[in-house]
Amino acid sequence: MKEKIEKILTELVPGINLSSDNLMEEDGVQSLTMIHLISELDIAFGIEITFNDIENDNFRSVDAIEKMVKRYME
């Protein structure tokens, strides 16, 4: 799962620092990229991320994204 998330991120933001714990601010993940990221995660994992989960804490790091995706898959 983590590898798939990392692949999605690197395709959307070439050169992104995947070890960052502040992806949204440090690595320039902007609002349009965020929309694409959410869409790609929905498709890749068969989930539907809701508006309530679209907050920086859930997208701060690869681990945070993975934790959120796992919650949706349960």
PDB file of N, CA and C in Angstrom:
ATOM      1  N   MET A   1       0.827  -1.187   0.000  1.00  0.00           N
ATOM      2  CA  MET A   1       0.000   0.000   0.000  1.00  0.00           C
ATOM      3  C   MET A   1       0.876   1.258   0.000  1.00  0.00           C
ATOM      4  N   LYS A   2       1.875   1.267   0.864  1.00  0.00           N
ATOM      5  CA  LYS A   2       2.742   2.438   0.968  1.00  0.00           C
ATOM      6  C   LYS A   2       3.431   2.725  -0.362  1.00  0.00           C
ATOM      7  N   GLU A   3       3.889   1.674  -1.047  1.00  0.00           N
ATOM      8  CA  GLU A   3       4.569   1.845  -2.318  1.00  0.00           C
ATOM      9  C   GLU A   3       3.636   2.451  -3.364  1.00  0.00           C
ATOM     10  N   LYS A   4       2.368   2.043  -3.339  1.00  0.00           N
ATOM     11  CA  LYS A   4       1.399   2.577  -4.289  1.00  0.00           C
ATOM     12  C   LYS A   4       1.146   4.061  -4.020  1.00  0.00           C
ATOM     13  N   ILE A   5       1.048   4.434  -2.758  1.00  0.00           N
ATOM     14  CA  ILE A   5       0.863   5.843  -2.385  1.00  0.00           C
ATOM     15  C   ILE A   5       2.072   6.658  -2.832  1.00  0.00           C
ATOM     16  N   GLU A   6       3.270   6.131  -2.600  1.00  0.00           N
ATOM     17  CA  GLU A   6       4.486   6.831  -3.011  1.00  0.00           C
ATOM     18  C   GLU A   6       4.541   7.005  -4.525  1.00  0.00           C
ATOM     19  N   LYS A   7       4.121   5.993  -5.261  1.00  0.00           N
ATOM     20  CA  LYS A   7       4.109   6.062  -6.727  1.00  0.00           C
ATOM     21  C   LYS A   7       3.150   7.159  -7.194  1.00  0.00           C
ATOM     22  N   ILE A   8       1.974   7.205  -6.612  1.00  0.00           N
ATOM     23  CA  ILE A   8       0.992   8.234  -6.963  1.00  0.00           C
ATOM     24  C   ILE A   8       1.570   9.622  -6.693  1.00  0.00           C
ATOM     25  N   LEU A   9       2.158   9.802  -5.518  1.00  0.00           N
ATOM     26  CA  LEU A   9       2.730  11.100  -5.156  1.00  0.00           C
ATOM     27  C   LEU A   9       3.845  11.522  -6.108  1.00  0.00           C
ATOM     28  N   THR A  10       4.740  10.605  -6.452  1.00  0.00           N
ATOM     29  CA  THR A  10       5.856  10.967  -7.328  1.00  0.00           C
ATOM     30  C   THR A  10       5.396  11.240  -8.753  1.00  0.00           C
ATOM     31  N   GLU A  11       4.309  10.613  -9.169  1.00  0.00           N
ATOM     32  CA  GLU A  11       3.765  10.913 -10.500  1.00  0.00           C
ATOM     33  C   GLU A  11       3.115  12.291 -10.518  1.00  0.00           C
ATOM     34  N   LEU A  12       2.465  12.665  -9.428  1.00  0.00           N
ATOM     35  CA  LEU A  12       1.793  13.961  -9.360  1.00  0.00           C
ATOM     36  C   LEU A  12       2.762  15.109  -9.094  1.00  0.00           C
ATOM     37  N   VAL A  13       3.781  14.848  -8.274  1.00  0.00           N
ATOM     38  CA  VAL A  13       4.743  15.889  -7.888  1.00  0.00           C
ATOM     39  C   VAL A  13       6.160  15.325  -8.051  1.00  0.00           C
ATOM     40  N   PRO A  14       6.694  15.380  -9.281  1.00  0.00           N
ATOM     41  CA  PRO A  14       8.055  14.867  -9.494  1.00  0.00           C
ATOM     42  C   PRO A  14       9.048  15.551  -8.545  1.00  0.00           C
ATOM     43  N   GLY A  15       9.932  14.751  -7.962  1.00  0.00           N
ATOM     44  CA  GLY A  15      10.938  15.286  -7.059  1.00  0.00           C
ATOM     45  C   GLY A  15      10.465  15.484  -5.628  1.00  0.00           C
ATOM     46  N   ILE A  16       9.243  15.056  -5.316  1.00  0.00           N
ATOM     47  CA  ILE A  16       8.707  15.222  -3.964  1.00  0.00           C
ATOM     48  C   ILE A  16       9.561  14.446  -2.966  1.00  0.00           C
ATOM     49  N   ASN A  17       9.752  15.016  -1.806  1.00  0.00           N
ATOM     50  CA  ASN A  17      10.500  14.369  -0.725  1.00  0.00           C
ATOM     51  C   ASN A  17       9.533  13.476   0.051  1.00  0.00           C
ATOM     52  N   LEU A  18       9.524  12.197  -0.268  1.00  0.00           N
ATOM     53  CA  LEU A  18       8.572  11.268   0.344  1.00  0.00           C
ATOM     54  C   LEU A  18       8.797  11.052   1.837  1.00  0.00           C
ATOM     55  N   SER A  19       9.958  11.410   2.342  1.00  0.00           N
ATOM     56  CA  SER A  19      10.209  11.230   3.771  1.00  0.00           C
ATOM     57  C   SER A  19       9.793  12.454   4.592  1.00  0.00           C
ATOM     58  N   SER A  20       9.298  13.476   3.923  1.00  0.00           N
ATOM     59  CA  SER A  20       8.868  14.693   4.620  1.00  0.00           C
ATOM     60  C   SER A  20       7.668  14.410   5.510  1.00  0.00           C
ATOM     61  N   ASP A  21       7.601  15.104   6.634  1.00  0.00           N
ATOM     62  CA  ASP A  21       6.427  14.990   7.501  1.00  0.00           C
ATOM     63  C   ASP A  21       5.559  16.237   7.371  1.00  0.00           C
ATOM     64  N   ASN A  22       5.760  16.954   6.276  1.00  0.00           N
ATOM     65  CA  ASN A  22       4.959  18.144   6.014  1.00  0.00           C
ATOM     66  C   ASN A  22       4.793  18.323   4.503  1.00  0.00           C
ATOM     67  N   LEU A  23       4.298  17.278   3.847  1.00  0.00           N
ATOM     68  CA  LEU A  23       4.173  17.256   2.392  1.00  0.00           C
ATOM     69  C   LEU A  23       3.387  18.434   1.833  1.00  0.00           C
ATOM     70  N   MET A  24       2.340  18.814   2.526  1.00  0.00           N
ATOM     71  CA  MET A  24       1.458  19.848   1.996  1.00  0.00           C
ATOM     72  C   MET A  24       2.117  21.220   1.945  1.00  0.00           C
ATOM     73  N   GLU A  25       3.037  21.485   2.847  1.00  0.00           N
ATOM     74  CA  GLU A  25       3.657  22.802   2.900  1.00  0.00           C
ATOM     75  C   GLU A  25       5.049  22.818   2.286  1.00  0.00           C
ATOM     76  N   GLU A  26       5.871  21.853   2.630  1.00  0.00           N
ATOM     77  CA  GLU A  26       7.256  21.865   2.179  1.00  0.00           C
ATOM     78  C   GLU A  26       7.409  21.510   0.713  1.00  0.00           C
ATOM     79  N   ASP A  27       6.610  20.600   0.233  1.00  0.00           N
ATOM     80  CA  ASP A  27       6.844  20.068  -1.102  1.00  0.00           C
ATOM     81  C   ASP A  27       5.878  20.581  -2.153  1.00  0.00           C
ATOM     82  N   GLY A  28       5.191  21.634  -1.845  1.00  0.00           N
ATOM     83  CA  GLY A  28       4.395  22.308  -2.855  1.00  0.00           C
ATOM     84  C   GLY A  28       3.184  21.552  -3.366  1.00  0.00           C
ATOM     85  N   VAL A  29       2.595  20.717  -2.548  1.00  0.00           N
ATOM     86  CA  VAL A  29       1.362  20.047  -2.949  1.00  0.00           C
ATOM     87  C   VAL A  29       0.252  21.085  -2.820  1.00  0.00           C
ATOM     88  N   GLN A  30      -0.174  21.605  -3.955  1.00  0.00           N
ATOM     89  CA  GLN A  30      -1.159  22.676  -3.972  1.00  0.00           C
ATOM     90  C   GLN A  30      -2.558  22.103  -4.156  1.00  0.00           C
ATOM     91  N   SER A  31      -3.551  22.985  -4.104  1.00  0.00           N
ATOM     92  CA  SER A  31      -4.943  22.540  -4.085  1.00  0.00           C
ATOM     93  C   SER A  31      -5.328  21.709  -5.308  1.00  0.00           C
ATOM     94  N   LEU A  32      -4.893  22.087  -6.482  1.00  0.00           N
ATOM     95  CA  LEU A  32      -5.229  21.307  -7.668  1.00  0.00           C
ATOM     96  C   LEU A  32      -4.568  19.932  -7.619  1.00  0.00           C
ATOM     97  N   THR A  33      -3.338  19.892  -7.163  1.00  0.00           N
ATOM     98  CA  THR A  33      -2.641  18.617  -6.995  1.00  0.00           C
ATOM     99  C   THR A  33      -3.343  17.774  -5.949  1.00  0.00           C
ATOM    100  N   MET A  34      -3.841  18.414  -4.896  1.00  0.00           N
ATOM    101  CA  MET A  34      -4.562  17.706  -3.838  1.00  0.00           C
ATOM    102  C   MET A  34      -5.809  17.031  -4.406  1.00  0.00           C
ATOM    103  N   ILE A  35      -6.524  17.720  -5.268  1.00  0.00           N
ATOM    104  CA  ILE A  35      -7.720  17.136  -5.899  1.00  0.00           C
ATOM    105  C   ILE A  35      -7.330  15.902  -6.706  1.00  0.00           C
ATOM    106  N   HIS A  36      -6.242  16.011  -7.466  1.00  0.00           N
ATOM    107  CA  HIS A  36      -5.768  14.865  -8.249  1.00  0.00           C
ATOM    108  C   HIS A  36      -5.324  13.726  -7.338  1.00  0.00           C
ATOM    109  N   LEU A  37      -4.641  14.055  -6.259  1.00  0.00           N
ATOM    110  CA  LEU A  37      -4.193  13.041  -5.313  1.00  0.00           C
ATOM    111  C   LEU A  37      -5.371  12.283  -4.722  1.00  0.00           C
ATOM    112  N   ILE A  38      -6.377  12.992  -4.279  1.00  0.00           N
ATOM    113  CA  ILE A  38      -7.565  12.359  -3.695  1.00  0.00           C
ATOM    114  C   ILE A  38      -8.234  11.452  -4.717  1.00  0.00           C
ATOM    115  N   SER A  39      -8.362  11.937  -5.930  1.00  0.00           N
ATOM    116  CA  SER A  39      -8.971  11.146  -7.001  1.00  0.00           C
ATOM    117  C   SER A  39      -8.166   9.876  -7.278  1.00  0.00           C
ATOM    118  N   GLU A  40      -6.855  10.018  -7.352  1.00  0.00           N
ATOM    119  CA  GLU A  40      -5.996   8.855  -7.606  1.00  0.00           C
ATOM    120  C   GLU A  40      -6.065   7.843  -6.461  1.00  0.00           C
ATOM    121  N   LEU A  41      -6.104   8.322  -5.230  1.00  0.00           N
ATOM    122  CA  LEU A  41      -6.230   7.419  -4.078  1.00  0.00           C
ATOM    123  C   LEU A  41      -7.571   6.691  -4.111  1.00  0.00           C
ATOM    124  N   ASP A  42      -8.631   7.424  -4.425  1.00  0.00           N
ATOM    125  CA  ASP A  42      -9.965   6.810  -4.522  1.00  0.00           C
ATOM    126  C   ASP A  42      -9.965   5.669  -5.532  1.00  0.00           C
ATOM    127  N   ILE A  43      -9.398   5.940  -6.703  1.00  0.00           N
ATOM    128  CA  ILE A  43      -9.369   4.934  -7.774  1.00  0.00           C
ATOM    129  C   ILE A  43      -8.463   3.759  -7.403  1.00  0.00           C
ATOM    130  N   ALA A  44      -7.262   4.059  -6.930  1.00  0.00           N
ATOM    131  CA  ALA A  44      -6.278   3.017  -6.651  1.00  0.00           C
ATOM    132  C   ALA A  44      -6.716   2.054  -5.549  1.00  0.00           C
ATOM    133  N   PHE A  45      -7.448   2.581  -4.570  1.00  0.00           N
ATOM    134  CA  PHE A  45      -7.804   1.748  -3.418  1.00  0.00           C
ATOM    135  C   PHE A  45      -9.300   1.446  -3.314  1.00  0.00           C
ATOM    136  N   GLY A  46     -10.083   1.897  -4.282  1.00  0.00           N
ATOM    137  CA  GLY A  46     -11.518   1.613  -4.269  1.00  0.00           C
ATOM    138  C   GLY A  46     -12.228   2.234  -3.089  1.00  0.00           C
ATOM    139  N   ILE A  47     -11.849   3.457  -2.753  1.00  0.00           N
ATOM    140  CA  ILE A  47     -12.445   4.155  -1.619  1.00  0.00           C
ATOM    141  C   ILE A  47     -13.026   5.480  -2.101  1.00  0.00           C
ATOM    142  N   GLU A  48     -13.682   6.191  -1.212  1.00  0.00           N
ATOM    143  CA  GLU A  48     -14.171   7.525  -1.515  1.00  0.00           C
ATOM    144  C   GLU A  48     -13.886   8.422  -0.315  1.00  0.00           C
ATOM    145  N   ILE A  49     -12.816   9.189  -0.433  1.00  0.00           N
ATOM    146  CA  ILE A  49     -12.404  10.083   0.644  1.00  0.00           C
ATOM    147  C   ILE A  49     -13.430  11.207   0.755  1.00  0.00           C
ATOM    148  N   THR A  50     -13.950  11.398   1.956  1.00  0.00           N
ATOM    149  CA  THR A  50     -14.993  12.402   2.154  1.00  0.00           C
ATOM    150  C   THR A  50     -14.395  13.770   2.463  1.00  0.00           C
ATOM    151  N   PHE A  51     -15.211  14.778   2.316  1.00  0.00           N
ATOM    152  CA  PHE A  51     -14.804  16.161   2.562  1.00  0.00           C
ATOM    153  C   PHE A  51     -14.238  16.332   3.964  1.00  0.00           C
ATOM    154  N   ASN A  52     -14.815  15.631   4.942  1.00  0.00           N
ATOM    155  CA  ASN A  52     -14.376  15.757   6.334  1.00  0.00           C
ATOM    156  C   ASN A  52     -12.926  15.330   6.546  1.00  0.00           C
ATOM    157  N   ASP A  53     -12.418  14.462   5.676  1.00  0.00           N
ATOM    158  CA  ASP A  53     -11.043  13.979   5.833  1.00  0.00           C
ATOM    159  C   ASP A  53     -10.032  14.782   5.025  1.00  0.00           C
ATOM    160  N   ILE A  54     -10.486  15.788   4.312  1.00  0.00           N
ATOM    161  CA  ILE A  54      -9.571  16.606   3.518  1.00  0.00           C
ATOM    162  C   ILE A  54      -9.023  17.711   4.414  1.00  0.00           C
ATOM    163  N   GLU A  55      -8.007  17.322   5.169  1.00  0.00           N
ATOM    164  CA  GLU A  55      -7.332  18.250   6.080  1.00  0.00           C
ATOM    165  C   GLU A  55      -5.852  17.899   6.082  1.00  0.00           C
ATOM    166  N   ASN A  56      -5.027  18.875   6.387  1.00  0.00           N
ATOM    167  CA  ASN A  56      -3.575  18.699   6.304  1.00  0.00           C
ATOM    168  C   ASN A  56      -3.058  17.515   7.107  1.00  0.00           C
ATOM    169  N   ASP A  57      -3.617  17.252   8.281  1.00  0.00           N
ATOM    170  CA  ASP A  57      -3.107  16.158   9.112  1.00  0.00           C
ATOM    171  C   ASP A  57      -3.181  14.810   8.401  1.00  0.00           C
ATOM    172  N   ASN A  58      -4.207  14.596   7.583  1.00  0.00           N
ATOM    173  CA  ASN A  58      -4.360  13.325   6.870  1.00  0.00           C
ATOM    174  C   ASN A  58      -3.440  13.212   5.661  1.00  0.00           C
ATOM    175  N   PHE A  59      -2.854  14.327   5.242  1.00  0.00           N
ATOM    176  CA  PHE A  59      -2.000  14.343   4.060  1.00  0.00           C
ATOM    177  C   PHE A  59      -0.602  14.875   4.376  1.00  0.00           C
ATOM    178  N   ARG A  60      -0.261  14.946   5.643  1.00  0.00           N
ATOM    179  CA  ARG A  60       1.016  15.520   6.088  1.00  0.00           C
ATOM    180  C   ARG A  60       2.218  14.680   5.652  1.00  0.00           C
ATOM    181  N   SER A  61       2.036  13.350   5.614  1.00  0.00           N
ATOM    182  CA  SER A  61       3.148  12.453   5.273  1.00  0.00           C
ATOM    183  C   SER A  61       2.589  11.215   4.578  1.00  0.00           C
ATOM    184  N   VAL A  62       3.495  10.442   4.003  1.00  0.00           N
ATOM    185  CA  VAL A  62       3.078   9.186   3.371  1.00  0.00           C
ATOM    186  C   VAL A  62       2.415   8.294   4.414  1.00  0.00           C
ATOM    187  N   ASP A  63       2.969   8.247   5.623  1.00  0.00           N
ATOM    188  CA  ASP A  63       2.382   7.418   6.686  1.00  0.00           C
ATOM    189  C   ASP A  63       0.977   7.886   7.062  1.00  0.00           C
ATOM    190  N   ALA A  64       0.758   9.195   7.115  1.00  0.00           N
ATOM    191  CA  ALA A  64      -0.566   9.731   7.448  1.00  0.00           C
ATOM    192  C   ALA A  64      -1.572   9.378   6.360  1.00  0.00           C
ATOM    193  N   ILE A  65      -1.145   9.469   5.103  1.00  0.00           N
ATOM    194  CA  ILE A  65      -2.036   9.109   3.990  1.00  0.00           C
ATOM    195  C   ILE A  65      -2.366   7.625   4.074  1.00  0.00           C
ATOM    196  N   GLU A  66      -1.362   6.807   4.324  1.00  0.00           N
ATOM    197  CA  GLU A  66      -1.580   5.362   4.432  1.00  0.00           C
ATOM    198  C   GLU A  66      -2.556   5.038   5.564  1.00  0.00           C
ATOM    199  N   LYS A  67      -2.402   5.683   6.691  1.00  0.00           N
ATOM    200  CA  LYS A  67      -3.294   5.457   7.835  1.00  0.00           C
ATOM    201  C   LYS A  67      -4.744   5.808   7.468  1.00  0.00           C
ATOM    202  N   MET A  68      -4.942   6.923   6.779  1.00  0.00           N
ATOM    203  CA  MET A  68      -6.285   7.329   6.376  1.00  0.00           C
ATOM    204  C   MET A  68      -6.873   6.321   5.387  1.00  0.00           C
ATOM    205  N   VAL A  69      -6.088   5.913   4.398  1.00  0.00           N
ATOM    206  CA  VAL A  69      -6.569   4.956   3.400  1.00  0.00           C
ATOM    207  C   VAL A  69      -6.966   3.646   4.086  1.00  0.00           C
ATOM    208  N   LYS A  70      -6.150   3.183   5.019  1.00  0.00           N
ATOM    209  CA  LYS A  70      -6.466   1.947   5.742  1.00  0.00           C
ATOM    210  C   LYS A  70      -7.794   2.066   6.479  1.00  0.00           C
ATOM    211  N   ARG A  71      -8.040   3.235   7.062  1.00  0.00           N
ATOM    212  CA  ARG A  71      -9.310   3.457   7.766  1.00  0.00           C
ATOM    213  C   ARG A  71     -10.485   3.284   6.803  1.00  0.00           C
ATOM    214  N   TYR A  72     -10.352   3.812   5.627  1.00  0.00           N
ATOM    215  CA  TYR A  72     -11.429   3.682   4.625  1.00  0.00           C
ATOM    216  C   TYR A  72     -11.606   2.250   4.152  1.00  0.00           C
ATOM    217  N   MET A  73     -10.551   1.497   4.154  1.00  0.00           N
ATOM    218  CA  MET A  73     -10.624   0.122   3.637  1.00  0.00           C
ATOM    219  C   MET A  73     -11.157  -0.867   4.669  1.00  0.00           C
ATOM    220  N   GLU A  74     -11.271  -0.444   5.920  1.00  0.00           N
ATOM    221  CA  GLU A  74     -11.762  -1.367   6.970  1.00  0.00           C
ATOM    222  C   GLU A  74     -13.244  -1.589   6.863  1.00  0.00           C
TER     223      GLU A  74
END
